[in-house]
Amino acid sequence: MKNGFLDRHKPILTALKEAGFQVDGVVEQEKKTVITISPSTEYPKEVHGNGIETQPDA
């Protein structure tokens, strides 16, 4: 794996985790990057306009 490979994709990986997905793998294929995800077992955090994070009602 190239140096800085995951550093380049860190913002999207972080966003996916915050949106409620679990990142299963990141693979570079030719000129494309494939990110494999699955639904997380935890609920995603909701951030309201006031900056307070809450969990959705079950």
N, C-alpha and C. Protein backbone atom coordinates (compact mmCIF):
# COMPACT_ATOMS: atom_id res chain seq x y z
N MET A 1 0.85 -1.18 0.00
CA MET A 1 0.00 0.00 0.00
C MET A 1 0.89 1.24 0.00
N LYS A 2 0.48 2.23 -0.74
CA LYS A 2 1.27 3.44 -0.87
C LYS A 2 1.22 4.28 0.41
N ASN A 3 2.29 5.05 0.65
CA ASN A 3 2.29 5.95 1.80
C ASN A 3 1.22 7.02 1.62
N GLY A 4 0.49 7.30 2.64
CA GLY A 4 -0.54 8.33 2.59
C GLY A 4 -1.83 7.87 1.94
N PHE A 5 -1.93 6.60 1.59
CA PHE A 5 -3.14 6.10 0.91
C PHE A 5 -4.38 6.34 1.76
N LEU A 6 -4.36 5.90 3.02
CA LEU A 6 -5.53 6.08 3.88
C LEU A 6 -5.68 7.52 4.34
N ASP A 7 -4.57 8.27 4.44
CA ASP A 7 -4.66 9.68 4.83
C ASP A 7 -5.48 10.46 3.81
N ARG A 8 -5.34 10.11 2.55
CA ARG A 8 -6.07 10.81 1.49
C ARG A 8 -7.56 10.56 1.59
N HIS A 9 -7.95 9.39 2.07
CA HIS A 9 -9.36 9.01 2.13
C HIS A 9 -9.96 9.17 3.53
N LYS A 10 -9.19 9.65 4.46
CA LYS A 10 -9.66 9.77 5.84
C LYS A 10 -10.94 10.61 5.99
N PRO A 11 -11.07 11.75 5.30
CA PRO A 11 -12.31 12.53 5.47
C PRO A 11 -13.57 11.77 5.06
N ILE A 12 -13.51 11.02 3.97
CA ILE A 12 -14.70 10.28 3.54
C ILE A 12 -14.97 9.10 4.47
N LEU A 13 -13.91 8.47 4.97
CA LEU A 13 -14.09 7.35 5.91
C LEU A 13 -14.72 7.85 7.20
N THR A 14 -14.27 9.00 7.68
CA THR A 14 -14.84 9.59 8.89
C THR A 14 -16.31 9.94 8.68
N ALA A 15 -16.63 10.53 7.53
CA ALA A 15 -18.02 10.90 7.23
C ALA A 15 -18.92 9.66 7.15
N LEU A 16 -18.42 8.59 6.56
CA LEU A 16 -19.21 7.36 6.48
C LEU A 16 -19.48 6.80 7.87
N LYS A 17 -18.49 6.83 8.75
CA LYS A 17 -18.67 6.33 10.12
C LYS A 17 -19.67 7.18 10.87
N GLU A 18 -19.60 8.51 10.70
CA GLU A 18 -20.54 9.40 11.39
C GLU A 18 -21.95 9.25 10.84
N ALA A 19 -22.08 8.83 9.58
CA ALA A 19 -23.39 8.64 8.97
C ALA A 19 -24.01 7.30 9.34
N GLY A 20 -23.26 6.46 10.05
CA GLY A 20 -23.83 5.20 10.52
C GLY A 20 -23.40 3.98 9.73
N PHE A 21 -22.30 4.07 9.01
CA PHE A 21 -21.80 2.93 8.26
C PHE A 21 -20.52 2.41 8.87
N GLN A 22 -20.26 1.13 8.68
CA GLN A 22 -19.01 0.52 9.11
C GLN A 22 -18.18 0.28 7.86
N VAL A 23 -16.95 0.77 7.84
CA VAL A 23 -16.08 0.60 6.70
C VAL A 23 -15.42 -0.77 6.81
N ASP A 24 -15.70 -1.63 5.83
CA ASP A 24 -15.17 -2.99 5.84
C ASP A 24 -13.82 -3.10 5.14
N GLY A 25 -13.59 -2.25 4.15
CA GLY A 25 -12.32 -2.33 3.43
C GLY A 25 -12.14 -1.19 2.46
N VAL A 26 -10.87 -0.86 2.20
CA VAL A 26 -10.51 0.16 1.22
C VAL A 26 -9.44 -0.45 0.33
N VAL A 27 -9.73 -0.53 -0.97
CA VAL A 27 -8.82 -1.17 -1.91
C VAL A 27 -8.66 -0.26 -3.13
N GLU A 28 -7.42 -0.14 -3.59
CA GLU A 28 -7.18 0.62 -4.81
C GLU A 28 -7.10 -0.35 -5.98
N GLN A 29 -7.98 -0.13 -6.98
CA GLN A 29 -8.01 -0.98 -8.17
C GLN A 29 -7.79 -0.11 -9.39
N GLU A 30 -6.66 -0.29 -10.05
CA GLU A 30 -6.24 0.51 -11.19
C GLU A 30 -6.27 1.99 -10.80
N LYS A 31 -7.16 2.78 -11.39
CA LYS A 31 -7.22 4.21 -11.09
C LYS A 31 -8.40 4.56 -10.18
N LYS A 32 -9.00 3.55 -9.58
CA LYS A 32 -10.17 3.78 -8.74
C LYS A 32 -9.93 3.24 -7.34
N THR A 33 -10.62 3.85 -6.39
CA THR A 33 -10.59 3.37 -5.01
C THR A 33 -11.95 2.80 -4.67
N VAL A 34 -11.97 1.58 -4.16
CA VAL A 34 -13.22 0.90 -3.80
C VAL A 34 -13.31 0.85 -2.29
N ILE A 35 -14.38 1.43 -1.73
CA ILE A 35 -14.62 1.42 -0.29
C ILE A 35 -15.83 0.53 -0.05
N THR A 36 -15.63 -0.54 0.71
CA THR A 36 -16.70 -1.48 1.02
C THR A 36 -17.26 -1.12 2.39
N ILE A 37 -18.60 -0.94 2.46
CA ILE A 37 -19.24 -0.55 3.72
C ILE A 37 -20.40 -1.49 4.03
N SER A 38 -20.84 -1.45 5.28
CA SER A 38 -22.03 -2.16 5.71
C SER A 38 -22.70 -1.30 6.78
N PRO A 39 -23.98 -1.53 7.02
CA PRO A 39 -24.65 -0.76 8.07
C PRO A 39 -24.00 -1.01 9.43
N SER A 40 -23.87 0.02 10.21
CA SER A 40 -23.28 -0.09 11.53
C SER A 40 -24.30 -0.66 12.50
N THR A 41 -23.81 -1.26 13.56
CA THR A 41 -24.72 -1.80 14.57
C THR A 41 -25.23 -0.69 15.49
N GLU A 42 -24.56 0.44 15.48
CA GLU A 42 -24.98 1.59 16.29
C GLU A 42 -25.77 2.56 15.43
N TYR A 43 -26.61 3.36 16.06
CA TYR A 43 -27.35 4.39 15.35
C TYR A 43 -26.42 5.54 15.00
N PRO A 44 -26.64 6.17 13.85
CA PRO A 44 -25.83 7.34 13.51
C PRO A 44 -26.18 8.51 14.42
N LYS A 45 -25.22 9.37 14.64
CA LYS A 45 -25.47 10.55 15.45
C LYS A 45 -26.16 11.60 14.59
N GLU A 46 -27.15 12.27 15.16
CA GLU A 46 -27.80 13.37 14.47
C GLU A 46 -27.26 14.66 15.05
N VAL A 47 -26.82 15.55 14.20
CA VAL A 47 -26.31 16.83 14.67
C VAL A 47 -27.32 17.89 14.26
N HIS A 48 -27.86 18.57 15.24
CA HIS A 48 -28.85 19.61 14.99
C HIS A 48 -28.15 20.94 14.77
N GLY A 49 -28.89 21.93 14.30
CA GLY A 49 -28.33 23.24 14.00
C GLY A 49 -27.63 23.88 15.19
N ASN A 50 -27.99 23.50 16.41
CA ASN A 50 -27.36 24.07 17.59
C ASN A 50 -26.08 23.34 17.99
N GLY A 51 -25.69 22.31 17.21
CA GLY A 51 -24.46 21.59 17.47
C GLY A 51 -24.56 20.48 18.50
N ILE A 52 -25.79 20.23 19.00
CA ILE A 52 -25.97 19.17 19.99
C ILE A 52 -26.23 17.86 19.28
N GLU A 53 -25.45 16.84 19.63
CA GLU A 53 -25.60 15.53 19.02
C GLU A 53 -26.60 14.70 19.83
N THR A 54 -27.53 14.05 19.13
CA THR A 54 -28.49 13.19 19.80
C THR A 54 -28.62 11.89 19.03
N GLN A 55 -29.09 10.85 19.68
CA GLN A 55 -29.35 9.58 19.03
C GLN A 55 -30.83 9.58 18.59
N PRO A 56 -31.15 8.99 17.43
CA PRO A 56 -32.54 8.93 17.00
C PRO A 56 -33.35 8.02 17.92
N ASP A 57 -34.65 8.26 18.01
CA ASP A 57 -35.53 7.42 18.82
C ASP A 57 -35.65 6.04 18.19
N ALA A 58 -35.62 5.02 19.03
CA ALA A 58 -35.71 3.64 18.51
C ALA A 58 -37.12 3.23 18.27
